[in-house]
Protein backbone atom coordinates (compact mmCIF):
# COMPACT_ATOMS: atom_id res chain seq x y z
CA MET A 1 32.59 -21.29 24.35
CA GLN A 2 31.58 -20.82 20.21
CA SER A 3 29.92 -22.92 17.76
CA SER A 4 28.88 -22.59 14.43
CA PHE A 5 24.88 -23.01 14.36
CA ASP A 6 24.77 -19.91 12.33
CA SER A 7 26.96 -20.97 9.28
CA ALA A 8 24.81 -22.19 6.06
CA ALA A 9 25.01 -25.29 4.50
CA THR A 10 23.40 -27.37 1.61
CA PRO A 11 20.55 -29.58 1.89
CA SER A 12 21.97 -33.50 1.73
CA GLU A 13 20.99 -37.04 1.14
CA ALA A 14 22.55 -39.88 3.51
CA GLY A 15 26.39 -39.83 2.89
CA GLU A 16 26.66 -36.60 0.64
CA VAL A 17 29.10 -34.11 1.49
CA LEU A 18 27.61 -31.12 2.80
CA ASN A 19 30.60 -28.47 2.62
CA ILE A 20 34.23 -29.29 1.17
CA LYS A 21 36.33 -27.70 3.78
CA ASN A 22 40.91 -27.72 3.52
CA THR A 23 42.13 -27.14 7.14
CA ALA A 24 44.29 -28.55 9.65
CA ARG A 25 41.35 -28.68 12.16
CA PRO A 26 41.18 -32.59 13.42
CA ARG A 27 37.73 -34.14 12.49
CA ALA A 28 35.31 -36.06 15.15
CA ILE A 29 32.39 -38.01 14.47
CA VAL A 30 29.30 -37.12 16.06
CA LEU A 31 26.77 -39.31 16.66
CA LEU A 32 23.50 -37.56 15.94
CA SER A 33 20.31 -38.55 16.94
CA GLY A 34 18.26 -35.35 16.68
CA GLY A 35 17.67 -34.65 20.24
CA LEU A 36 19.07 -32.36 22.40
CA ASP A 37 21.38 -34.14 24.08
CA SER A 38 23.22 -35.24 20.64
CA ALA A 39 23.01 -31.85 19.54
CA THR A 40 24.50 -30.17 22.15
CA ALA A 41 27.61 -32.92 21.73
CA ALA A 42 28.36 -32.46 18.38
CA ALA A 43 28.19 -28.37 19.10
CA GLN A 44 30.75 -29.08 22.20
CA ALA A 45 33.29 -31.07 19.76
CA GLN A 46 32.89 -28.07 17.10
CA ALA A 47 33.94 -25.94 19.64
CA ASP A 48 36.38 -28.03 21.10
CA GLY A 49 38.14 -27.56 17.25
CA PHE A 50 36.75 -30.12 15.30
CA ASP A 51 35.51 -30.53 12.09
CA LEU A 52 32.76 -32.37 12.09
CA ILE A 53 31.66 -35.62 10.25
CA ALA A 54 27.90 -36.39 11.21
CA LEU A 55 26.40 -40.02 12.00
CA SER A 56 22.96 -40.67 12.46
CA CYS A 57 20.83 -43.81 12.30
CA ARG A 58 16.98 -45.31 11.36
CA TYR A 59 17.28 -48.63 13.73
CA GLY A 60 13.25 -49.24 13.68
CA GLN A 61 12.23 -46.38 15.67
CA ARG A 62 8.64 -45.53 16.15
CA HIS A 63 9.32 -42.32 13.84
CA ALA A 64 11.43 -40.75 11.54
CA ARG A 65 10.36 -37.12 13.32
CA GLU A 66 13.67 -36.65 14.95
CA LEU A 67 15.66 -37.55 11.58
CA SER A 68 14.61 -35.02 9.96
CA SER A 69 16.20 -32.85 13.31
CA ALA A 70 19.04 -34.55 12.74
CA LYS A 71 19.54 -33.59 9.06
CA LEU A 72 18.52 -29.95 9.93
CA LEU A 73 21.01 -29.48 12.82
CA ALA A 74 23.74 -31.01 10.24
CA GLN A 75 23.16 -28.62 7.63
CA ARG A 76 23.51 -25.96 10.64
CA LEU A 77 26.72 -27.39 12.15
CA GLY A 78 28.48 -27.18 8.76
CA CYS A 79 29.30 -31.00 9.21
CA LEU A 80 31.72 -31.94 6.66
CA GLU A 81 29.14 -35.19 5.80
CA HIS A 82 26.05 -36.38 7.08
CA HIS A 83 25.52 -40.02 6.87
CA VAL A 84 22.27 -42.21 7.77
CA VAL A 85 22.35 -45.35 8.36
CA ASP A 86 19.82 -48.63 8.31
CA VAL A 87 20.20 -50.65 11.60
CA ASN A 88 16.76 -52.40 12.02
CA LEU A 89 16.71 -53.31 15.98
CA ASN A 90 13.31 -53.79 15.69
CA LEU A 91 13.49 -57.16 13.77
CA TRP A 92 13.50 -58.56 17.52
CA GLY A 93 11.79 -55.58 19.24
CA GLY A 94 12.45 -55.61 23.16
CA SER A 95 11.93 -52.00 23.29
CA SER A 96 8.42 -49.62 23.55
CA LEU A 97 10.45 -47.84 20.83
CA THR A 98 10.71 -50.64 18.46
CA ASP A 99 8.09 -52.90 19.26
CA LEU A 100 4.28 -51.15 18.17
CA ASN A 101 2.74 -53.53 20.09
CA GLN A 102 3.91 -51.59 23.95
CA ALA A 103 3.19 -48.78 25.02
CA ILE A 104 4.89 -45.66 25.25
CA PRO A 105 5.03 -45.09 29.30
CA GLN A 106 4.31 -41.75 30.77
CA SER A 107 4.21 -41.98 34.63
CA GLY A 108 7.49 -40.62 34.90
CA THR A 109 10.68 -42.48 35.74
CA ASP A 110 11.29 -44.30 38.78
CA GLU A 111 14.24 -44.64 40.52
CA GLY A 112 16.33 -48.28 39.99
CA VAL A 113 14.30 -49.28 36.86
CA ILE A 114 15.12 -49.48 33.95
CA PRO A 115 12.08 -48.61 31.10
CA SER A 116 10.91 -50.14 28.36
CA THR A 117 12.16 -47.51 26.39
CA TYR A 118 15.94 -48.86 26.67
CA VAL A 119 16.72 -50.76 23.60
CA PRO A 120 18.83 -53.35 23.77
CA GLY A 121 22.12 -53.30 22.32
CA ARG A 122 21.30 -49.59 20.72
CA ASN A 123 24.61 -47.64 21.74
CA THR A 124 26.60 -50.98 21.62
CA VAL A 125 25.70 -50.86 17.39
CA PHE A 126 25.74 -47.16 17.03
CA ILE A 127 29.29 -47.03 19.03
CA ALA A 128 30.37 -49.56 16.72
CA LEU A 129 29.64 -48.00 13.58
CA ALA A 130 31.14 -44.46 14.20
CA LEU A 131 33.97 -46.58 15.42
CA SER A 132 33.88 -47.83 11.33
CA LEU A 133 33.55 -44.59 9.99
CA ALA A 134 36.29 -43.16 11.92
CA GLU A 135 38.49 -45.10 10.72
CA ALA A 136 37.58 -44.40 7.30
CA LYS A 137 37.48 -40.79 7.50
CA GLN A 138 40.66 -40.86 9.93
CA ALA A 139 39.06 -38.71 12.26
CA GLU A 140 40.40 -38.28 16.59
CA ALA A 141 37.33 -38.33 18.27
CA ILE A 142 33.66 -39.68 18.36
CA TYR A 143 31.40 -37.72 20.19
CA LEU A 144 28.46 -38.84 21.89
CA GLY A 145 25.32 -37.10 23.94
CA ILE A 146 25.04 -40.50 26.74
CA ASN A 147 23.98 -38.93 29.98
CA ALA A 148 24.02 -40.71 33.26
CA VAL A 149 21.93 -38.61 35.59
CA ASP A 150 18.77 -37.10 34.56
CA TYR A 151 17.95 -40.61 32.31
CA SER A 152 16.94 -44.17 33.75
CA GLY A 153 19.51 -46.13 34.25
CA TYR A 154 20.31 -47.21 30.81
CA PRO A 155 23.03 -49.69 31.37
CA ASP A 156 24.52 -47.90 27.83
CA CYS A 157 25.21 -44.59 29.47
CA ARG A 158 27.04 -45.07 32.09
CA PRO A 159 31.05 -43.74 32.71
CA GLU A 160 31.80 -47.28 33.01
CA TYR A 161 30.29 -48.53 29.77
CA LEU A 162 32.41 -45.96 27.75
CA ALA A 163 35.16 -46.96 29.61
CA ALA A 164 35.23 -50.80 28.61
CA TYR A 165 34.24 -49.42 24.97
CA GLN A 166 37.42 -47.05 25.24
CA THR A 167 39.56 -50.11 26.01
CA LEU A 168 37.63 -52.07 23.19
CA ALA A 169 38.55 -49.43 20.56
CA GLY A 170 42.12 -49.61 21.50
CA LEU A 171 42.01 -53.34 20.23
CA SER A 172 39.78 -53.48 17.56
CA SER A 173 41.38 -51.45 14.42
CA LYS A 174 44.02 -50.86 12.13
CA VAL A 175 44.17 -47.72 13.79
CA ALA A 176 44.40 -49.05 17.08
CA ILE A 177 46.81 -51.05 16.48
CA GLU A 178 49.06 -48.04 15.42
CA GLY A 179 48.29 -46.37 18.13
CA LYS A 180 45.64 -44.11 16.79
CA ALA A 181 42.54 -45.10 17.81
CA PRO A 182 39.53 -42.21 18.07
CA GLU A 183 38.57 -41.18 21.67
CA LEU A 184 35.50 -41.77 22.94
CA ARG A 185 34.16 -38.65 24.49
CA ALA A 186 30.64 -38.27 26.29
CA PRO A 187 31.29 -34.60 27.31
CA LEU A 188 27.60 -34.60 28.88
CA VAL A 189 27.88 -38.06 30.99
CA LYS A 190 27.49 -36.14 34.32
CA ASP A 191 25.88 -33.52 33.76
CA SER A 192 22.64 -33.17 35.16
CA LYS A 193 19.59 -32.57 32.30
CA VAL A 194 19.48 -28.61 33.19
CA ASP A 195 23.56 -28.15 33.04
CA ILE A 196 22.86 -29.77 29.81
CA VAL A 197 20.32 -27.02 28.80
CA LYS A 198 22.45 -24.24 29.70
CA ARG A 199 25.29 -25.92 27.77
CA ALA A 200 23.46 -25.61 24.94
CA LEU A 201 22.09 -22.40 25.26
CA ALA A 202 25.94 -20.93 26.03
CA LEU A 203 27.02 -23.35 22.36
CA GLY A 204 24.44 -21.35 20.51
CA VAL A 205 22.68 -24.55 19.96
CA PRO A 206 18.70 -24.22 18.28
CA ILE A 207 16.97 -26.63 21.16
CA GLU A 208 13.57 -24.88 19.27
CA GLU A 209 14.73 -27.13 16.27
CA THR A 210 16.03 -30.37 18.63
CA TRP A 211 13.50 -33.51 19.38
CA SER A 212 12.87 -35.81 22.00
CA CYS A 213 9.75 -36.87 22.20
CA TYR A 214 9.04 -40.39 21.25
CA SER A 215 6.04 -39.67 19.73
CA GLY A 216 6.03 -38.48 16.16
CA GLU A 217 3.01 -35.89 15.89
CA THR A 218 3.78 -32.52 14.05
CA GLU A 219 4.56 -31.28 17.85
CA PRO A 220 6.18 -33.08 20.67
CA CYS A 221 3.29 -34.43 23.60
CA GLY A 222 4.48 -33.00 25.94
CA GLU A 223 3.44 -36.24 28.08
CA CYS A 224 5.92 -39.25 27.36
CA ASP A 225 9.37 -39.81 29.87
CA SER A 226 11.49 -37.67 27.65
CA CYS A 227 9.06 -34.98 27.36
CA ARG A 228 8.74 -34.61 31.02
CA ILE A 229 12.26 -34.88 31.89
CA ARG A 230 13.56 -32.26 29.25
CA ASP A 231 10.14 -29.82 29.83
CA ARG A 232 11.30 -29.87 33.49
CA ALA A 233 15.06 -29.25 33.11
CA LEU A 234 13.89 -25.90 30.12
CA ILE A 235 11.79 -24.71 33.02
CA GLU A 236 14.27 -24.97 35.77
CA ALA A 237 17.17 -23.39 33.17
CA GLY A 238 14.87 -20.20 32.68
CA GLN A 239 13.54 -21.25 29.55
CA PRO A 240 9.91 -22.16 29.84
CA GLN A 241 8.65 -20.74 25.99
CA LEU A 242 10.72 -23.77 24.87
CA ALA A 243 8.60 -26.07 26.84
CA THR A 244 5.28 -27.61 25.83
CA PRO A 245 2.36 -26.32 26.76
CA GLN A 246 1.74 -29.57 28.60
CA GLY A 247 5.24 -29.27 30.59
CA ARG A 248 4.74 -25.67 31.35
CA VAL A 249 1.46 -26.99 33.29
CA MET A 250 2.66 -29.90 34.61
CA HIS A 251 6.19 -27.83 35.57
CA ALA A 252 4.73 -24.45 37.06
CA PRO A 253 6.35 -23.32 40.18
CA PRO A 254 3.46 -23.57 42.95
CA VAL A 255 1.68 -20.25 44.09
CA HIS A 256 1.45 -19.38 47.33
CA PRO A 257 -1.56 -17.16 48.02
């Protein structure tokens, strides 16, 4: 598998063209948050033969650190365009990622319990925007980094959710009526987090430049649930140097006398 993370591209502002290419390759929209999963899904889209148009969202999240990573990743991938859209979901809260009055969970995830980091309607809104962009840019596919295995039962990360949205995509637009509705692709949906790390390595994703932490500090905290999941996977995949110092301690293999 190959992607072009080594390609050079000019810096961009939201919606500006990053690269001008005259190719016969089909286009795909990639929802690029700046995290490991979305970067890996984008690299997979490129390996599948697509030219990429990236879409990121300011949805009222606690910090913009992940969007800085998204901008860098869009450049490294050689995306044709990178659009950053404002959709302020923190107006009504409902999540510890958009409501500063709620604490970020740091005790690990509990099976069968949807954590406070679930953002009501987030993926539904994001995919709707991606469908609009795909139709305007004549893109054939939309790549999503959603994953149903190692995350916490988020209802909008399940295969059945994606299948239902694909049905909607086939009904809701001019291109759908013409039989050209974009395909929603979630290549990581059934991967474990370790599998995602291994896929990212095979595709050449610069994992160290992605951002998964719920905090917006200079360095990832190593304590939030997202850091815990990521660090454990990195260590199990044989990449402890990419984990946080806290994660290397927390997930260190037991020492036998």
